[in-house]
Amino acid sequence: MTSPHLNDDQFADCLLGSKTNSAQAAHLLECPGCREELELFRSSVENFNSMSLVWSEKRSATSPTCVVSKGSSGWVSNWAWSMAIVMLLSVGTSLHTRNEANQASSTVQTSAPNNQNSEAEIAKDNELMKAVNREISRKEPFPLLADNVPVPRYGRGVKKQSEVRSE
């Protein structure tokens, strides 16, 4: 036997019938220990399946059925219908209000005078754009020192070069 024994994952793959390669199949034919382990594993899985089936059948036969009283389900049903109606009314009201607001704003826009782009407003906008351009293109020699803010040479906790001890 030149190939190593199969591990648990390879046994599971053999039982499922997936991912088995020829080396594993050949090893199972040669090695009686692995064949015995595979059969033991297979019988354990079959026993588990049969026992869980018996347990679930016994449980379903002995489990009590759920009895729902007529009064409680009617109340829940009435409550659910009431909430659905309230939601529909609130959505309908908000859509109606929104539609009226859109119609009112469209009538205001159409009734407004159509002098939005008058010559005076265009000239005013052009002057504003020129002023912005002048401010943007203005060059200052030291923009951070433009307001005459003194810049300290040494801050707190920083030692001067002469105070630092060399080793």
N, C-alpha and C. Protein backbone atom coordinates (compact mmCIF):
# COMPACT_ATOMS: atom_id res chain seq x y z
N MET A 1 0.83 -1.17 0.00
CA MET A 1 0.00 0.00 0.00
C MET A 1 0.88 1.24 0.00
N THR A 2 0.90 1.92 -1.10
CA THR A 2 1.75 3.10 -1.21
C THR A 2 0.98 4.37 -0.89
N SER A 3 -0.31 4.39 -1.05
CA SER A 3 -1.06 5.61 -0.79
C SER A 3 -1.51 5.67 0.66
N PRO A 4 -1.61 6.85 1.25
CA PRO A 4 -2.02 6.97 2.64
C PRO A 4 -3.50 6.62 2.80
N HIS A 5 -3.88 6.35 4.03
CA HIS A 5 -5.28 6.02 4.32
C HIS A 5 -6.18 7.22 4.07
N LEU A 6 -7.45 6.98 3.85
CA LEU A 6 -8.42 8.05 3.58
C LEU A 6 -8.79 8.77 4.88
N ASN A 7 -9.05 10.06 4.75
CA ASN A 7 -9.47 10.82 5.92
C ASN A 7 -11.01 10.91 5.95
N ASP A 8 -11.55 11.56 6.96
CA ASP A 8 -13.00 11.62 7.15
C ASP A 8 -13.71 12.31 5.98
N ASP A 9 -13.11 13.38 5.46
CA ASP A 9 -13.72 14.08 4.32
C ASP A 9 -13.78 13.18 3.09
N GLN A 10 -12.73 12.41 2.87
CA GLN A 10 -12.72 11.51 1.73
C GLN A 10 -13.73 10.37 1.91
N PHE A 11 -13.92 9.89 3.14
CA PHE A 11 -14.96 8.91 3.40
C PHE A 11 -16.34 9.49 3.09
N ALA A 12 -16.58 10.71 3.54
CA ALA A 12 -17.87 11.36 3.28
C ALA A 12 -18.09 11.53 1.79
N ASP A 13 -17.04 11.91 1.06
CA ASP A 13 -17.16 12.06 -0.40
C ASP A 13 -17.49 10.73 -1.06
N CYS A 14 -16.90 9.66 -0.56
CA CYS A 14 -17.19 8.32 -1.12
C CYS A 14 -18.64 7.95 -0.87
N LEU A 15 -19.16 8.25 0.33
CA LEU A 15 -20.55 7.94 0.63
C LEU A 15 -21.51 8.77 -0.22
N LEU A 16 -21.16 10.01 -0.46
CA LEU A 16 -22.01 10.88 -1.26
C LEU A 16 -21.86 10.60 -2.75
N GLY A 17 -20.79 9.96 -3.11
CA GLY A 17 -20.55 9.64 -4.52
C GLY A 17 -19.99 10.82 -5.31
N SER A 18 -19.35 11.72 -4.63
CA SER A 18 -18.78 12.88 -5.33
C SER A 18 -17.30 12.99 -4.99
N LYS A 19 -16.55 13.59 -5.85
CA LYS A 19 -15.13 13.91 -5.66
C LYS A 19 -14.25 12.68 -5.38
N THR A 20 -14.63 11.56 -5.86
CA THR A 20 -13.75 10.40 -5.66
C THR A 20 -12.87 10.26 -6.90
N ASN A 21 -11.59 10.19 -6.67
CA ASN A 21 -10.69 10.04 -7.81
C ASN A 21 -10.22 8.58 -7.89
N SER A 22 -9.49 8.28 -8.92
CA SER A 22 -9.08 6.89 -9.15
C SER A 22 -8.10 6.41 -8.07
N ALA A 23 -7.29 7.28 -7.50
CA ALA A 23 -6.34 6.89 -6.46
C ALA A 23 -7.09 6.45 -5.20
N GLN A 24 -8.17 7.18 -4.86
CA GLN A 24 -8.96 6.81 -3.69
C GLN A 24 -9.68 5.48 -3.93
N ALA A 25 -10.25 5.31 -5.12
CA ALA A 25 -10.94 4.06 -5.44
C ALA A 25 -9.97 2.89 -5.41
N ALA A 26 -8.77 3.08 -5.94
CA ALA A 26 -7.77 2.02 -5.93
C ALA A 26 -7.35 1.70 -4.51
N HIS A 27 -7.23 2.71 -3.67
CA HIS A 27 -6.84 2.49 -2.28
C HIS A 27 -7.92 1.68 -1.55
N LEU A 28 -9.20 2.00 -1.82
CA LEU A 28 -10.28 1.26 -1.18
C LEU A 28 -10.27 -0.20 -1.60
N LEU A 29 -9.88 -0.47 -2.85
CA LEU A 29 -9.81 -1.87 -3.30
C LEU A 29 -8.66 -2.62 -2.63
N GLU A 30 -7.55 -1.94 -2.36
CA GLU A 30 -6.36 -2.57 -1.79
C GLU A 30 -6.39 -2.67 -0.26
N CYS A 31 -6.97 -1.67 0.39
CA CYS A 31 -6.84 -1.56 1.85
C CYS A 31 -8.10 -2.10 2.55
N PRO A 32 -7.99 -3.20 3.25
CA PRO A 32 -9.16 -3.75 3.97
C PRO A 32 -9.57 -2.85 5.16
N GLY A 33 -8.62 -2.16 5.77
CA GLY A 33 -8.93 -1.28 6.90
C GLY A 33 -9.82 -0.12 6.48
N CYS A 34 -9.49 0.48 5.34
CA CYS A 34 -10.30 1.61 4.85
C CYS A 34 -11.67 1.13 4.39
N ARG A 35 -11.73 -0.07 3.76
CA ARG A 35 -13.02 -0.62 3.35
C ARG A 35 -13.90 -0.87 4.57
N GLU A 36 -13.31 -1.43 5.62
CA GLU A 36 -14.05 -1.69 6.84
C GLU A 36 -14.53 -0.39 7.48
N GLU A 37 -13.65 0.62 7.49
CA GLU A 37 -14.01 1.93 8.05
C GLU A 37 -15.14 2.57 7.24
N LEU A 38 -15.09 2.44 5.90
CA LEU A 38 -16.13 2.99 5.03
C LEU A 38 -17.46 2.31 5.31
N GLU A 39 -17.47 1.01 5.46
CA GLU A 39 -18.70 0.28 5.75
C GLU A 39 -19.24 0.66 7.13
N LEU A 40 -18.36 0.82 8.10
CA LEU A 40 -18.78 1.24 9.43
C LEU A 40 -19.39 2.64 9.38
N PHE A 41 -18.75 3.52 8.63
CA PHE A 41 -19.24 4.89 8.47
C PHE A 41 -20.60 4.88 7.77
N ARG A 42 -20.72 4.07 6.72
CA ARG A 42 -21.97 3.97 5.96
C ARG A 42 -23.09 3.44 6.86
N SER A 43 -22.81 2.41 7.66
CA SER A 43 -23.85 1.85 8.53
C SER A 43 -24.24 2.85 9.62
N SER A 44 -23.28 3.64 10.11
CA SER A 44 -23.59 4.66 11.12
C SER A 44 -24.52 5.72 10.54
N VAL A 45 -24.26 6.15 9.34
CA VAL A 45 -25.09 7.17 8.69
C VAL A 45 -26.48 6.60 8.43
N GLU A 46 -26.56 5.35 7.96
CA GLU A 46 -27.86 4.73 7.71
C GLU A 46 -28.65 4.57 9.00
N ASN A 47 -27.99 4.17 10.08
CA ASN A 47 -28.66 4.06 11.38
C ASN A 47 -29.18 5.40 11.86
N PHE A 48 -28.37 6.43 11.69
CA PHE A 48 -28.80 7.77 12.08
C PHE A 48 -30.02 8.20 11.28
N ASN A 49 -29.99 7.97 9.97
CA ASN A 49 -31.12 8.36 9.13
C ASN A 49 -32.39 7.62 9.54
N SER A 50 -32.29 6.31 9.76
CA SER A 50 -33.48 5.55 10.12
C SER A 50 -34.01 5.95 11.50
N MET A 51 -33.12 6.20 12.45
CA MET A 51 -33.55 6.60 13.79
C MET A 51 -34.18 7.99 13.78
N SER A 52 -33.64 8.90 13.01
CA SER A 52 -34.23 10.24 12.94
C SER A 52 -35.59 10.20 12.26
N LEU A 53 -35.78 9.30 11.29
CA LEU A 53 -37.07 9.14 10.64
C LEU A 53 -38.09 8.59 11.64
N VAL A 54 -37.71 7.59 12.41
CA VAL A 54 -38.60 7.02 13.42
C VAL A 54 -38.96 8.07 14.45
N TRP A 55 -37.97 8.84 14.90
CA TRP A 55 -38.21 9.88 15.89
C TRP A 55 -39.19 10.93 15.37
N SER A 56 -38.99 11.38 14.11
CA SER A 56 -39.87 12.42 13.56
C SER A 56 -41.29 11.89 13.36
N GLU A 57 -41.44 10.61 12.96
CA GLU A 57 -42.77 10.04 12.81
C GLU A 57 -43.46 9.92 14.16
N LYS A 58 -42.72 9.51 15.18
CA LYS A 58 -43.29 9.38 16.52
C LYS A 58 -43.68 10.75 17.06
N ARG A 59 -42.85 11.72 16.82
CA ARG A 59 -43.12 13.07 17.32
C ARG A 59 -44.35 13.66 16.66
N SER A 60 -44.49 13.49 15.35
CA SER A 60 -45.65 14.06 14.67
C SER A 60 -46.93 13.36 15.10
N ALA A 61 -46.86 12.09 15.46
CA ALA A 61 -48.05 11.36 15.90
C ALA A 61 -48.46 11.77 17.30
N THR A 62 -47.51 12.12 18.14
CA THR A 62 -47.83 12.44 19.54
C THR A 62 -47.90 13.92 19.82
N SER A 63 -47.51 14.75 18.89
CA SER A 63 -47.50 16.19 19.16
C SER A 63 -48.93 16.73 19.16
N PRO A 64 -49.22 17.63 20.07
CA PRO A 64 -50.58 18.19 20.12
C PRO A 64 -50.80 19.13 18.94
N THR A 65 -52.02 19.14 18.46
CA THR A 65 -52.34 20.05 17.36
C THR A 65 -52.60 21.42 17.93
N CYS A 66 -52.33 22.39 17.16
CA CYS A 66 -52.50 23.77 17.59
C CYS A 66 -53.97 24.15 17.40
N VAL A 67 -54.62 24.54 18.48
CA VAL A 67 -56.02 24.92 18.43
C VAL A 67 -56.08 26.43 18.57
N VAL A 68 -56.68 27.08 17.59
CA VAL A 68 -56.79 28.53 17.61
C VAL A 68 -58.25 28.87 17.84
N SER A 69 -58.49 29.69 18.82
CA SER A 69 -59.87 30.07 19.10
C SER A 69 -60.35 31.08 18.07
N LYS A 70 -61.62 31.03 17.80
CA LYS A 70 -62.21 31.87 16.76
C LYS A 70 -62.13 33.35 17.12
N GLY A 71 -62.26 33.65 18.39
CA GLY A 71 -62.27 35.05 18.81
C GLY A 71 -60.92 35.73 18.61
N SER A 72 -59.82 35.06 18.92
CA SER A 72 -58.51 35.70 18.81
C SER A 72 -58.11 35.89 17.36
N SER A 73 -58.42 34.93 16.49
CA SER A 73 -58.04 35.10 15.08
C SER A 73 -58.87 36.19 14.43
N GLY A 74 -60.13 36.33 14.86
CA GLY A 74 -60.97 37.39 14.31
C GLY A 74 -60.46 38.76 14.69
N TRP A 75 -60.00 38.89 15.95
CA TRP A 75 -59.48 40.17 16.41
C TRP A 75 -58.22 40.54 15.65
N VAL A 76 -57.30 39.56 15.47
CA VAL A 76 -56.07 39.82 14.75
C VAL A 76 -56.39 40.19 13.31
N SER A 77 -57.33 39.49 12.73
CA SER A 77 -57.71 39.77 11.36
C SER A 77 -58.30 41.17 11.24
N ASN A 78 -59.17 41.55 12.17
CA ASN A 78 -59.76 42.89 12.13
C ASN A 78 -58.69 43.96 12.33
N TRP A 79 -57.75 43.68 13.22
CA TRP A 79 -56.68 44.64 13.46
C TRP A 79 -55.82 44.82 12.21
N ALA A 80 -55.50 43.70 11.53
CA ALA A 80 -54.68 43.77 10.31
C ALA A 80 -55.41 44.54 9.22
N TRP A 81 -56.70 44.29 9.06
CA TRP A 81 -57.46 45.02 8.05
C TRP A 81 -57.53 46.51 8.39
N SER A 82 -57.67 46.82 9.66
CA SER A 82 -57.72 48.22 10.07
C SER A 82 -56.41 48.93 9.74
N MET A 83 -55.29 48.28 10.02
CA MET A 83 -54.00 48.89 9.73
C MET A 83 -53.80 49.06 8.23
N ALA A 84 -54.27 48.09 7.44
CA ALA A 84 -54.13 48.20 5.99
C ALA A 84 -54.94 49.38 5.46
N ILE A 85 -56.11 49.57 5.99
CA ILE A 85 -56.95 50.69 5.54
C ILE A 85 -56.32 52.02 5.93
N VAL A 86 -55.78 52.11 7.14
CA VAL A 86 -55.12 53.35 7.58
C VAL A 86 -53.92 53.65 6.68
N MET A 87 -53.13 52.65 6.34
CA MET A 87 -51.97 52.85 5.47
C MET A 87 -52.41 53.33 4.08
N LEU A 88 -53.44 52.71 3.53
CA LEU A 88 -53.92 53.13 2.21
C LEU A 88 -54.43 54.57 2.24
N LEU A 89 -55.16 54.92 3.28
CA LEU A 89 -55.66 56.29 3.38
C LEU A 89 -54.52 57.30 3.51
N SER A 90 -53.50 56.98 4.29
CA SER A 90 -52.40 57.93 4.45
C SER A 90 -51.60 58.09 3.15
N VAL A 91 -51.38 56.98 2.44
CA VAL A 91 -50.66 57.07 1.17
C VAL A 91 -51.49 57.84 0.15
N GLY A 92 -52.78 57.56 0.10
CA GLY A 92 -53.66 58.26 -0.85
C GLY A 92 -53.71 59.75 -0.57
N THR A 93 -53.78 60.11 0.71
CA THR A 93 -53.83 61.53 1.08
C THR A 93 -52.53 62.24 0.71
N SER A 94 -51.41 61.59 0.97
CA SER A 94 -50.13 62.25 0.65
C SER A 94 -49.96 62.39 -0.86
N LEU A 95 -50.38 61.40 -1.62
CA LEU A 95 -50.29 61.52 -3.09
C LEU A 95 -51.20 62.62 -3.62
N HIS A 96 -52.39 62.73 -3.05
CA HIS A 96 -53.32 63.78 -3.48
C HIS A 96 -52.76 65.17 -3.16
N THR A 97 -52.21 65.32 -1.96
CA THR A 97 -51.63 66.60 -1.56
C THR A 97 -50.43 66.96 -2.44
N ARG A 98 -49.63 65.98 -2.75
CA ARG A 98 -48.47 66.22 -3.61
C ARG A 98 -48.90 66.61 -5.02
N ASN A 99 -49.94 65.96 -5.54
CA ASN A 99 -50.44 66.28 -6.88
C ASN A 99 -50.97 67.70 -6.91
N GLU A 100 -51.71 68.12 -5.87
CA GLU A 100 -52.23 69.49 -5.82
C GLU A 100 -51.09 70.50 -5.75
N ALA A 101 -50.05 70.19 -5.00
CA ALA A 101 -48.91 71.11 -4.87
C ALA A 101 -48.19 71.24 -6.21
N ASN A 102 -48.05 70.15 -6.94
CA ASN A 102 -47.40 70.21 -8.26
C ASN A 102 -48.23 71.04 -9.23
N GLN A 103 -49.56 70.88 -9.19
CA GLN A 103 -50.41 71.66 -10.08
C GLN A 103 -50.34 73.14 -9.73
N ALA A 104 -50.31 73.46 -8.44
CA ALA A 104 -50.24 74.86 -8.02
C ALA A 104 -48.92 75.48 -8.43
N SER A 105 -47.82 74.75 -8.32
CA SER A 105 -46.52 75.31 -8.69
C SER A 105 -46.42 75.47 -10.20
N SER A 106 -47.06 74.60 -10.97
CA SER A 106 -47.00 74.76 -12.42
C SER A 106 -47.81 75.96 -12.87
N THR A 107 -48.93 76.28 -12.19
CA THR A 107 -49.69 77.47 -12.56
C THR A 107 -48.95 78.73 -12.17
N VAL A 108 -48.22 78.72 -11.07
CA VAL A 108 -47.44 79.88 -10.65
C VAL A 108 -46.31 80.13 -11.65
N GLN A 109 -45.67 79.06 -12.12
CA GLN A 109 -44.58 79.22 -13.07
C GLN A 109 -45.08 79.76 -14.40
N THR A 110 -46.23 79.33 -14.86
CA THR A 110 -46.74 79.80 -16.15
C THR A 110 -47.27 81.21 -16.05
N SER A 111 -47.76 81.64 -14.87
CA SER A 111 -48.30 82.98 -14.74
C SER A 111 -47.22 84.02 -14.45
N ALA A 112 -46.01 83.61 -14.12
CA ALA A 112 -44.93 84.55 -13.84
C ALA A 112 -44.51 85.23 -15.14
N PRO A 113 -44.12 86.51 -15.05
CA PRO A 113 -43.68 87.20 -16.27
C PRO A 113 -42.43 86.51 -16.84
N ASN A 114 -42.30 86.58 -18.13
CA ASN A 114 -41.25 85.85 -18.82
C ASN A 114 -40.03 86.72 -19.05
N ASN A 115 -39.67 87.55 -18.09
CA ASN A 115 -38.51 88.43 -18.23
C ASN A 115 -37.34 87.94 -17.40
N GLN A 116 -37.19 86.64 -17.27
CA GLN A 116 -36.12 86.08 -16.45
C GLN A 116 -34.74 86.41 -17.04
N ASN A 117 -34.62 86.48 -18.31
CA ASN A 117 -33.34 86.75 -18.95
C ASN A 117 -33.33 88.14 -19.57
N SER A 118 -33.71 89.13 -18.80
CA SER A 118 -33.72 90.49 -19.32
C SER A 118 -32.28 90.97 -19.46
N GLU A 119 -32.12 91.99 -20.23
CA GLU A 119 -30.78 92.55 -20.47
C GLU A 119 -30.15 93.05 -19.18
N ALA A 120 -30.93 93.63 -18.30
CA ALA A 120 -30.39 94.16 -17.04
C ALA A 120 -29.86 93.02 -16.16
N GLU A 121 -30.60 91.93 -16.10
CA GLU A 121 -30.15 90.81 -15.28
C GLU A 121 -28.90 90.15 -15.87
N ILE A 122 -28.83 90.08 -17.19
CA ILE A 122 -27.65 89.50 -17.84
C ILE A 122 -26.43 90.36 -17.56
N ALA A 123 -26.58 91.68 -17.66
CA ALA A 123 -25.46 92.58 -17.39
C ALA A 123 -25.02 92.48 -15.92
N LYS A 124 -26.00 92.36 -15.02
CA LYS A 124 -25.68 92.21 -13.59
C LYS A 124 -24.92 90.91 -13.34
N ASP A 125 -25.36 89.82 -13.97
CA ASP A 125 -24.67 88.54 -13.82
C ASP A 125 -23.25 88.60 -14.38
N ASN A 126 -23.08 89.27 -15.51
CA ASN A 126 -21.75 89.40 -16.11
C ASN A 126 -20.80 90.18 -15.21
N GLU A 127 -21.30 91.24 -14.55
CA GLU A 127 -20.48 92.00 -13.62
C GLU A 127 -20.06 91.14 -12.43
N LEU A 128 -20.97 90.33 -11.95
CA LEU A 128 -20.66 89.44 -10.84
C LEU A 128 -19.59 88.44 -11.24
N MET A 129 -19.70 87.87 -12.42
CA MET A 129 -18.71 86.91 -12.90
C MET A 129 -17.34 87.57 -13.06
N LYS A 130 -17.30 88.80 -13.53
CA LYS A 130 -16.03 89.51 -13.67
C LYS A 130 -15.39 89.74 -12.30
N ALA A 131 -16.20 90.09 -11.30
CA ALA A 131 -15.68 90.32 -9.95
C ALA A 131 -15.12 89.02 -9.36
N VAL A 132 -15.80 87.92 -9.60
CA VAL A 132 -15.32 86.63 -9.12
C VAL A 132 -14.00 86.29 -9.80
N ASN A 133 -13.92 86.50 -11.11
CA ASN A 133 -12.69 86.24 -11.86
C ASN A 133 -11.52 87.06 -11.33
N ARG A 134 -11.77 88.34 -11.02
CA ARG A 134 -10.70 89.19 -10.50
C ARG A 134 -10.19 88.66 -9.17
N GLU A 135 -11.09 88.22 -8.30
CA GLU A 135 -10.68 87.70 -7.01
C GLU A 135 -9.90 86.40 -7.15
N ILE A 136 -10.32 85.57 -8.07
CA ILE A 136 -9.64 84.28 -8.24
C ILE A 136 -8.25 84.48 -8.85
N SER A 137 -8.13 85.39 -9.78
CA SER A 137 -6.85 85.56 -10.47
C SER A 137 -5.88 86.46 -9.72
N ARG A 138 -6.29 87.11 -8.65
CA ARG A 138 -5.42 87.97 -7.86
C ARG A 138 -4.33 87.13 -7.22
N LYS A 139 -3.10 87.57 -7.35
CA LYS A 139 -1.96 86.83 -6.81
C LYS A 139 -1.38 87.60 -5.64
N GLU A 140 -1.17 86.89 -4.57
CA GLU A 140 -0.56 87.47 -3.39
C GLU A 140 0.80 86.83 -3.21
N PRO A 141 1.80 87.60 -2.81
CA PRO A 141 3.14 87.02 -2.68
C PRO A 141 3.20 85.93 -1.60
N PHE A 142 2.56 86.14 -0.47
CA PHE A 142 2.54 85.15 0.60
C PHE A 142 1.10 85.03 1.09
N PRO A 143 0.30 84.13 0.53
CA PRO A 143 -1.11 84.09 0.87
C PRO A 143 -1.37 83.75 2.34
N LEU A 144 -0.51 82.99 2.99
CA LEU A 144 -0.74 82.65 4.38
C LEU A 144 -0.39 83.80 5.31
N LEU A 145 0.46 84.71 4.87
CA LEU A 145 0.86 85.85 5.68
C LEU A 145 0.13 87.12 5.26
N ALA A 146 -0.94 86.98 4.49
CA ALA A 146 -1.62 88.15 3.94
C ALA A 146 -2.28 88.99 5.02
N ASP A 147 -2.68 88.38 6.11
CA ASP A 147 -3.36 89.12 7.16
C ASP A 147 -2.39 89.60 8.24
N ASN A 148 -1.10 89.60 7.96
CA ASN A 148 -0.06 90.02 8.90
C ASN A 148 -0.12 89.24 10.21
N VAL A 149 -0.31 87.95 10.12
CA VAL A 149 -0.34 87.09 11.29
C VAL A 149 1.09 86.67 11.56
N PRO A 150 1.61 86.95 12.76
CA PRO A 150 2.99 86.56 13.04
C PRO A 150 3.10 85.04 13.15
N VAL A 151 4.17 84.53 12.62
CA VAL A 151 4.42 83.09 12.65
C VAL A 151 5.55 82.85 13.64
N PRO A 152 5.30 82.11 14.73
CA PRO A 152 6.37 81.87 15.71
C PRO A 152 7.40 80.92 15.13
N ARG A 153 8.66 81.16 15.52
CA ARG A 153 9.73 80.30 15.02
C ARG A 153 9.76 78.98 15.75
N TYR A 154 9.49 79.00 17.04
CA TYR A 154 9.51 77.78 17.84
C TYR A 154 8.22 77.73 18.65
N GLY A 155 7.58 76.58 18.63
CA GLY A 155 6.37 76.40 19.42
C GLY A 155 6.71 75.89 20.80
N ARG A 156 5.73 75.68 21.61
CA ARG A 156 5.95 75.14 22.95
C ARG A 156 6.43 73.71 22.85
N GLY A 157 7.36 73.37 23.68
CA GLY A 157 7.85 72.01 23.74
C GLY A 157 8.88 71.67 22.69
N VAL A 158 9.17 72.57 21.80
CA VAL A 158 10.15 72.31 20.77
C VAL A 158 11.45 73.01 21.18
N LYS A 159 12.51 72.27 21.24
CA LYS A 159 13.78 72.84 21.67
C LYS A 159 14.52 73.42 20.48
N LYS A 160 15.26 74.45 20.74
CA LYS A 160 16.10 75.01 19.71
C LYS A 160 17.24 74.07 19.44
N GLN A 161 17.89 74.22 18.33
CA GLN A 161 18.98 73.33 17.94
C GLN A 161 20.11 73.39 18.95
N SER A 162 20.34 74.55 19.52
CA SER A 162 21.44 74.67 20.47
C SER A 162 21.12 73.99 21.79
N GLU A 163 19.82 73.80 22.14
CA GLU A 163 19.45 73.16 23.38
C GLU A 163 19.48 71.64 23.28
N VAL A 164 19.47 71.09 22.09
CA VAL A 164 19.44 69.64 21.92
C VAL A 164 20.83 69.08 22.19
N ARG A 165 20.92 68.10 23.05
CA ARG A 165 22.18 67.51 23.43
C ARG A 165 22.58 66.47 22.40
N SER A 166 23.78 66.51 21.93
CA SER A 166 24.24 65.50 20.98
C SER A 166 24.94 64.40 21.72
N GLU A 167 24.78 63.17 21.24
CA GLU A 167 25.36 62.03 21.94
C GLU A 167 26.50 61.45 21.17
